[in-house]
Amino acid sequence: MKSSVLTRYRVMAYVTAVMLLILCGCMVAKYGFDTGEDLTFAVSQAHGVLYIIYLIFAFDLGSKAKWPFGKLLWVLLSGTIPTAAFFVERKVVRETLPLVSGAQPAAAAKA
């Protein structure tokens, strides 16, 4: 697997997670303080488009890494849970890095 597949996924995981946190803040402002309705609409639309791109890249990574359906589903849904994408992204990178062509194995610690 090429490293660009993993890099695309990582970028979109972070972008999606940050946009979801911004959207949560906008929703609090909209429904809690009755302000920022236009901003909430714009952020929700942007997050929706970015989430679709995230789904495409995560599915591409999952199909190339040959993940089982349950794992793929969890990674795809992590973009809908605030802060989950940050943690899932770290775990995915740790697990798929050995599959990347040209990746160097981690050096063993000397005793």
N, C-alpha and C. Protein backbone atom coordinates (compact mmCIF):
# COMPACT_ATOMS: atom_id res chain seq x y z
N MET A 1 0.85 -1.18 0.00
CA MET A 1 0.00 0.00 0.00
C MET A 1 0.90 1.24 0.00
N LYS A 2 0.49 2.26 -0.73
CA LYS A 2 1.26 3.50 -0.80
C LYS A 2 1.04 4.34 0.46
N SER A 3 2.06 5.11 0.79
CA SER A 3 1.94 5.95 1.98
C SER A 3 0.94 7.08 1.77
N SER A 4 0.68 7.46 0.52
CA SER A 4 -0.27 8.54 0.25
C SER A 4 -1.68 8.16 0.67
N VAL A 5 -2.01 6.88 0.63
CA VAL A 5 -3.34 6.43 1.06
C VAL A 5 -3.52 6.71 2.55
N LEU A 6 -2.51 6.40 3.33
CA LEU A 6 -2.56 6.65 4.77
C LEU A 6 -2.53 8.14 5.07
N THR A 7 -1.73 8.89 4.33
CA THR A 7 -1.63 10.34 4.56
C THR A 7 -2.95 11.04 4.27
N ARG A 8 -3.60 10.66 3.17
CA ARG A 8 -4.91 11.25 2.85
C ARG A 8 -5.92 10.99 3.96
N TYR A 9 -5.92 9.75 4.45
CA TYR A 9 -6.84 9.41 5.53
C TYR A 9 -6.53 10.25 6.78
N ARG A 10 -5.26 10.35 7.14
CA ARG A 10 -4.88 11.09 8.35
C ARG A 10 -5.31 12.55 8.27
N VAL A 11 -5.06 13.18 7.14
CA VAL A 11 -5.42 14.59 6.97
C VAL A 11 -6.93 14.76 7.11
N MET A 12 -7.69 13.92 6.43
CA MET A 12 -9.14 14.07 6.49
C MET A 12 -9.71 13.69 7.85
N ALA A 13 -9.05 12.78 8.57
CA ALA A 13 -9.51 12.45 9.92
C ALA A 13 -9.38 13.67 10.83
N TYR A 14 -8.24 14.35 10.76
CA TYR A 14 -8.06 15.54 11.59
C TYR A 14 -8.99 16.68 11.17
N VAL A 15 -9.10 16.91 9.88
CA VAL A 15 -9.96 18.00 9.41
C VAL A 15 -11.41 17.74 9.80
N THR A 16 -11.87 16.52 9.63
CA THR A 16 -13.24 16.17 9.99
C THR A 16 -13.47 16.32 11.49
N ALA A 17 -12.51 15.88 12.29
CA ALA A 17 -12.65 15.96 13.74
C ALA A 17 -12.69 17.42 14.21
N VAL A 18 -11.83 18.25 13.65
CA VAL A 18 -11.81 19.66 14.04
C VAL A 18 -13.11 20.35 13.61
N MET A 19 -13.57 20.07 12.39
CA MET A 19 -14.81 20.67 11.93
C MET A 19 -16.00 20.22 12.78
N LEU A 20 -15.99 18.99 13.24
CA LEU A 20 -17.08 18.51 14.09
C LEU A 20 -17.06 19.23 15.44
N LEU A 21 -15.88 19.48 15.98
CA LEU A 21 -15.80 20.23 17.24
C LEU A 21 -16.29 21.67 17.05
N ILE A 22 -15.92 22.28 15.94
CA ILE A 22 -16.40 23.64 15.65
C ILE A 22 -17.92 23.62 15.49
N LEU A 23 -18.43 22.61 14.82
CA LEU A 23 -19.88 22.49 14.65
C LEU A 23 -20.58 22.34 15.99
N CYS A 24 -20.00 21.57 16.90
CA CYS A 24 -20.60 21.42 18.23
C CYS A 24 -20.66 22.77 18.95
N GLY A 25 -19.58 23.54 18.84
CA GLY A 25 -19.58 24.88 19.44
C GLY A 25 -20.63 25.78 18.83
N CYS A 26 -20.78 25.71 17.52
CA CYS A 26 -21.81 26.50 16.84
C CYS A 26 -23.21 26.08 17.26
N MET A 27 -23.42 24.79 17.45
CA MET A 27 -24.73 24.31 17.88
C MET A 27 -25.05 24.80 19.30
N VAL A 28 -24.05 24.82 20.16
CA VAL A 28 -24.26 25.35 21.51
C VAL A 28 -24.64 26.83 21.42
N ALA A 29 -23.94 27.58 20.58
CA ALA A 29 -24.25 29.01 20.42
C ALA A 29 -25.65 29.20 19.84
N LYS A 30 -26.00 28.37 18.87
CA LYS A 30 -27.31 28.52 18.21
C LYS A 30 -28.46 28.19 19.15
N TYR A 31 -28.38 27.02 19.79
CA TYR A 31 -29.51 26.58 20.61
C TYR A 31 -29.41 27.01 22.06
N GLY A 32 -28.21 27.29 22.54
CA GLY A 32 -28.06 27.71 23.93
C GLY A 32 -28.18 29.20 24.12
N PHE A 33 -27.68 29.96 23.12
CA PHE A 33 -27.64 31.42 23.25
C PHE A 33 -28.39 32.14 22.14
N ASP A 34 -29.06 31.37 21.29
CA ASP A 34 -29.89 31.91 20.21
C ASP A 34 -29.13 32.90 19.33
N THR A 35 -27.92 32.52 18.93
CA THR A 35 -27.10 33.36 18.07
C THR A 35 -26.28 32.48 17.13
N GLY A 36 -25.87 33.03 16.01
CA GLY A 36 -24.99 32.32 15.09
C GLY A 36 -25.66 31.30 14.20
N GLU A 37 -26.90 31.55 13.83
CA GLU A 37 -27.62 30.59 13.00
C GLU A 37 -26.98 30.44 11.62
N ASP A 38 -26.56 31.55 11.03
CA ASP A 38 -25.94 31.49 9.70
C ASP A 38 -24.59 30.78 9.74
N LEU A 39 -23.82 31.05 10.79
CA LEU A 39 -22.52 30.39 10.93
C LEU A 39 -22.70 28.88 11.13
N THR A 40 -23.68 28.51 11.92
CA THR A 40 -23.96 27.09 12.15
C THR A 40 -24.32 26.39 10.86
N PHE A 41 -25.11 27.05 10.03
CA PHE A 41 -25.50 26.47 8.75
C PHE A 41 -24.27 26.26 7.86
N ALA A 42 -23.41 27.28 7.77
CA ALA A 42 -22.22 27.20 6.92
C ALA A 42 -21.27 26.11 7.41
N VAL A 43 -21.06 26.04 8.72
CA VAL A 43 -20.15 25.03 9.28
C VAL A 43 -20.73 23.63 9.08
N SER A 44 -22.04 23.49 9.25
CA SER A 44 -22.64 22.16 9.07
C SER A 44 -22.52 21.69 7.63
N GLN A 45 -22.69 22.60 6.69
CA GLN A 45 -22.54 22.24 5.28
C GLN A 45 -21.10 21.85 4.95
N ALA A 46 -20.15 22.62 5.48
CA ALA A 46 -18.74 22.32 5.25
C ALA A 46 -18.36 20.97 5.87
N HIS A 47 -18.83 20.73 7.08
CA HIS A 47 -18.54 19.45 7.73
C HIS A 47 -19.14 18.29 6.93
N GLY A 48 -20.33 18.48 6.41
CA GLY A 48 -20.96 17.42 5.62
C GLY A 48 -20.16 17.05 4.39
N VAL A 49 -19.69 18.04 3.67
CA VAL A 49 -18.88 17.79 2.47
C VAL A 49 -17.56 17.14 2.86
N LEU A 50 -16.91 17.65 3.89
CA LEU A 50 -15.63 17.09 4.33
C LEU A 50 -15.80 15.67 4.86
N TYR A 51 -16.92 15.39 5.50
CA TYR A 51 -17.17 14.04 6.01
C TYR A 51 -17.33 13.04 4.85
N ILE A 52 -17.96 13.47 3.77
CA ILE A 52 -18.08 12.59 2.61
C ILE A 52 -16.70 12.27 2.04
N ILE A 53 -15.83 13.26 1.97
CA ILE A 53 -14.45 13.03 1.50
C ILE A 53 -13.73 12.10 2.46
N TYR A 54 -13.95 12.30 3.77
CA TYR A 54 -13.35 11.42 4.78
C TYR A 54 -13.83 9.97 4.57
N LEU A 55 -15.11 9.79 4.31
CA LEU A 55 -15.64 8.45 4.08
C LEU A 55 -14.96 7.77 2.90
N ILE A 56 -14.76 8.51 1.84
CA ILE A 56 -14.12 7.95 0.64
C ILE A 56 -12.69 7.52 0.96
N PHE A 57 -11.93 8.39 1.63
CA PHE A 57 -10.54 8.06 1.94
C PHE A 57 -10.42 6.94 2.97
N ALA A 58 -11.32 6.92 3.96
CA ALA A 58 -11.28 5.86 4.97
C ALA A 58 -11.67 4.53 4.34
N PHE A 59 -12.65 4.54 3.45
CA PHE A 59 -13.04 3.31 2.78
C PHE A 59 -11.91 2.80 1.89
N ASP A 60 -11.23 3.72 1.21
CA ASP A 60 -10.09 3.34 0.37
C ASP A 60 -8.99 2.70 1.20
N LEU A 61 -8.68 3.31 2.34
CA LEU A 61 -7.66 2.74 3.23
C LEU A 61 -8.10 1.38 3.75
N GLY A 62 -9.35 1.28 4.18
CA GLY A 62 -9.86 0.02 4.72
C GLY A 62 -9.86 -1.10 3.71
N SER A 63 -10.19 -0.79 2.47
CA SER A 63 -10.20 -1.84 1.45
C SER A 63 -8.79 -2.27 1.10
N LYS A 64 -7.84 -1.36 1.10
CA LYS A 64 -6.46 -1.73 0.80
C LYS A 64 -5.80 -2.45 1.97
N ALA A 65 -6.22 -2.13 3.20
CA ALA A 65 -5.67 -2.80 4.38
C ALA A 65 -6.43 -4.09 4.69
N LYS A 66 -7.51 -4.35 3.94
CA LYS A 66 -8.33 -5.56 4.11
C LYS A 66 -8.90 -5.69 5.53
N TRP A 67 -9.51 -4.59 6.00
CA TRP A 67 -10.13 -4.60 7.32
C TRP A 67 -11.41 -5.41 7.29
N PRO A 68 -11.77 -6.02 8.42
CA PRO A 68 -13.10 -6.64 8.52
C PRO A 68 -14.18 -5.54 8.55
N PHE A 69 -15.42 -5.94 8.24
CA PHE A 69 -16.50 -4.96 8.13
C PHE A 69 -16.71 -4.16 9.41
N GLY A 70 -16.63 -4.81 10.57
CA GLY A 70 -16.84 -4.11 11.84
C GLY A 70 -15.83 -3.00 12.08
N LYS A 71 -14.59 -3.26 11.78
CA LYS A 71 -13.55 -2.25 11.96
C LYS A 71 -13.76 -1.10 10.98
N LEU A 72 -14.07 -1.42 9.74
CA LEU A 72 -14.32 -0.39 8.74
C LEU A 72 -15.49 0.49 9.16
N LEU A 73 -16.55 -0.12 9.65
CA LEU A 73 -17.72 0.62 10.09
C LEU A 73 -17.37 1.56 11.25
N TRP A 74 -16.58 1.08 12.21
CA TRP A 74 -16.17 1.91 13.35
C TRP A 74 -15.35 3.11 12.88
N VAL A 75 -14.43 2.89 11.95
CA VAL A 75 -13.61 3.99 11.44
C VAL A 75 -14.47 4.99 10.69
N LEU A 76 -15.42 4.51 9.90
CA LEU A 76 -16.30 5.41 9.16
C LEU A 76 -17.19 6.22 10.09
N LEU A 77 -17.68 5.61 11.15
CA LEU A 77 -18.55 6.33 12.09
C LEU A 77 -17.80 7.26 13.04
N SER A 78 -16.51 7.08 13.16
CA SER A 78 -15.75 7.92 14.10
C SER A 78 -15.77 9.40 13.71
N GLY A 79 -16.08 9.69 12.46
CA GLY A 79 -16.19 11.08 12.02
C GLY A 79 -17.47 11.76 12.46
N THR A 80 -18.36 11.00 13.11
CA THR A 80 -19.62 11.58 13.58
C THR A 80 -19.65 11.77 15.09
N ILE A 81 -18.63 11.29 15.78
CA ILE A 81 -18.57 11.38 17.24
C ILE A 81 -17.48 12.38 17.61
N PRO A 82 -17.83 13.46 18.29
CA PRO A 82 -16.80 14.46 18.63
C PRO A 82 -15.62 13.83 19.36
N THR A 83 -14.44 14.14 18.94
CA THR A 83 -13.12 13.71 19.44
C THR A 83 -12.79 12.25 19.14
N ALA A 84 -13.72 11.44 18.69
CA ALA A 84 -13.43 10.02 18.42
C ALA A 84 -12.44 9.86 17.29
N ALA A 85 -12.53 10.70 16.27
CA ALA A 85 -11.65 10.56 15.11
C ALA A 85 -10.19 10.75 15.49
N PHE A 86 -9.91 11.58 16.50
CA PHE A 86 -8.52 11.78 16.93
C PHE A 86 -7.94 10.46 17.45
N PHE A 87 -8.70 9.76 18.27
CA PHE A 87 -8.22 8.52 18.88
C PHE A 87 -8.20 7.37 17.87
N VAL A 88 -9.22 7.29 17.04
CA VAL A 88 -9.29 6.23 16.05
C VAL A 88 -8.16 6.40 15.03
N GLU A 89 -7.88 7.64 14.65
CA GLU A 89 -6.81 7.89 13.68
C GLU A 89 -5.47 7.39 14.20
N ARG A 90 -5.18 7.65 15.46
CA ARG A 90 -3.91 7.19 16.03
C ARG A 90 -3.80 5.68 16.01
N LYS A 91 -4.89 5.01 16.36
CA LYS A 91 -4.88 3.55 16.37
C LYS A 91 -4.76 2.99 14.95
N VAL A 92 -5.46 3.59 14.01
CA VAL A 92 -5.40 3.14 12.62
C VAL A 92 -3.98 3.29 12.07
N VAL A 93 -3.35 4.42 12.34
CA VAL A 93 -1.99 4.64 11.84
C VAL A 93 -1.04 3.61 12.44
N ARG A 94 -1.15 3.36 13.72
CA ARG A 94 -0.29 2.38 14.38
C ARG A 94 -0.45 0.99 13.76
N GLU A 95 -1.67 0.63 13.42
CA GLU A 95 -1.94 -0.70 12.87
C GLU A 95 -1.61 -0.83 11.39
N THR A 96 -1.76 0.25 10.62
CA THR A 96 -1.56 0.15 9.18
C THR A 96 -0.17 0.58 8.71
N LEU A 97 0.60 1.22 9.56
CA LEU A 97 1.93 1.66 9.16
C LEU A 97 2.81 0.52 8.67
N PRO A 98 2.77 -0.67 9.29
CA PRO A 98 3.58 -1.77 8.74
C PRO A 98 3.16 -2.21 7.34
N LEU A 99 1.94 -1.91 6.93
CA LEU A 99 1.46 -2.30 5.60
C LEU A 99 1.92 -1.35 4.50
N VAL A 100 2.40 -0.17 4.89
CA VAL A 100 2.80 0.84 3.91
C VAL A 100 4.12 0.42 3.28
N SER A 101 4.15 0.44 1.95
CA SER A 101 5.37 0.06 1.25
C SER A 101 6.46 1.10 1.50
N GLY A 102 7.62 0.61 1.85
CA GLY A 102 8.75 1.49 2.13
C GLY A 102 8.82 1.96 3.57
N ALA A 103 7.90 1.53 4.40
CA ALA A 103 7.92 1.94 5.81
C ALA A 103 9.05 1.23 6.52
N GLN A 104 9.73 1.95 7.38
CA GLN A 104 10.83 1.38 8.14
C GLN A 104 10.28 0.81 9.43
N PRO A 105 10.68 -0.42 9.78
CA PRO A 105 10.21 -0.98 11.05
C PRO A 105 10.83 -0.20 12.21
N ALA A 106 10.07 -0.12 13.28
CA ALA A 106 10.55 0.59 14.46
C ALA A 106 11.74 -0.15 15.06
N ALA A 107 12.74 0.61 15.47
CA ALA A 107 13.94 -0.01 16.07
C ALA A 107 13.60 -0.52 17.47
N ALA A 108 14.10 -1.70 17.76
CA ALA A 108 13.85 -2.29 19.08
C ALA A 108 14.70 -1.57 20.12
N ALA A 109 14.13 -1.38 21.28
CA ALA A 109 14.86 -0.71 22.37
C ALA A 109 15.94 -1.65 22.90
N LYS A 110 17.11 -1.07 23.13
CA LYS A 110 18.21 -1.87 23.66
C LYS A 110 18.06 -2.01 25.16
N ALA A 111 18.36 -3.19 25.64
CA ALA A 111 18.20 -3.45 27.07
C ALA A 111 19.40 -3.00 27.86
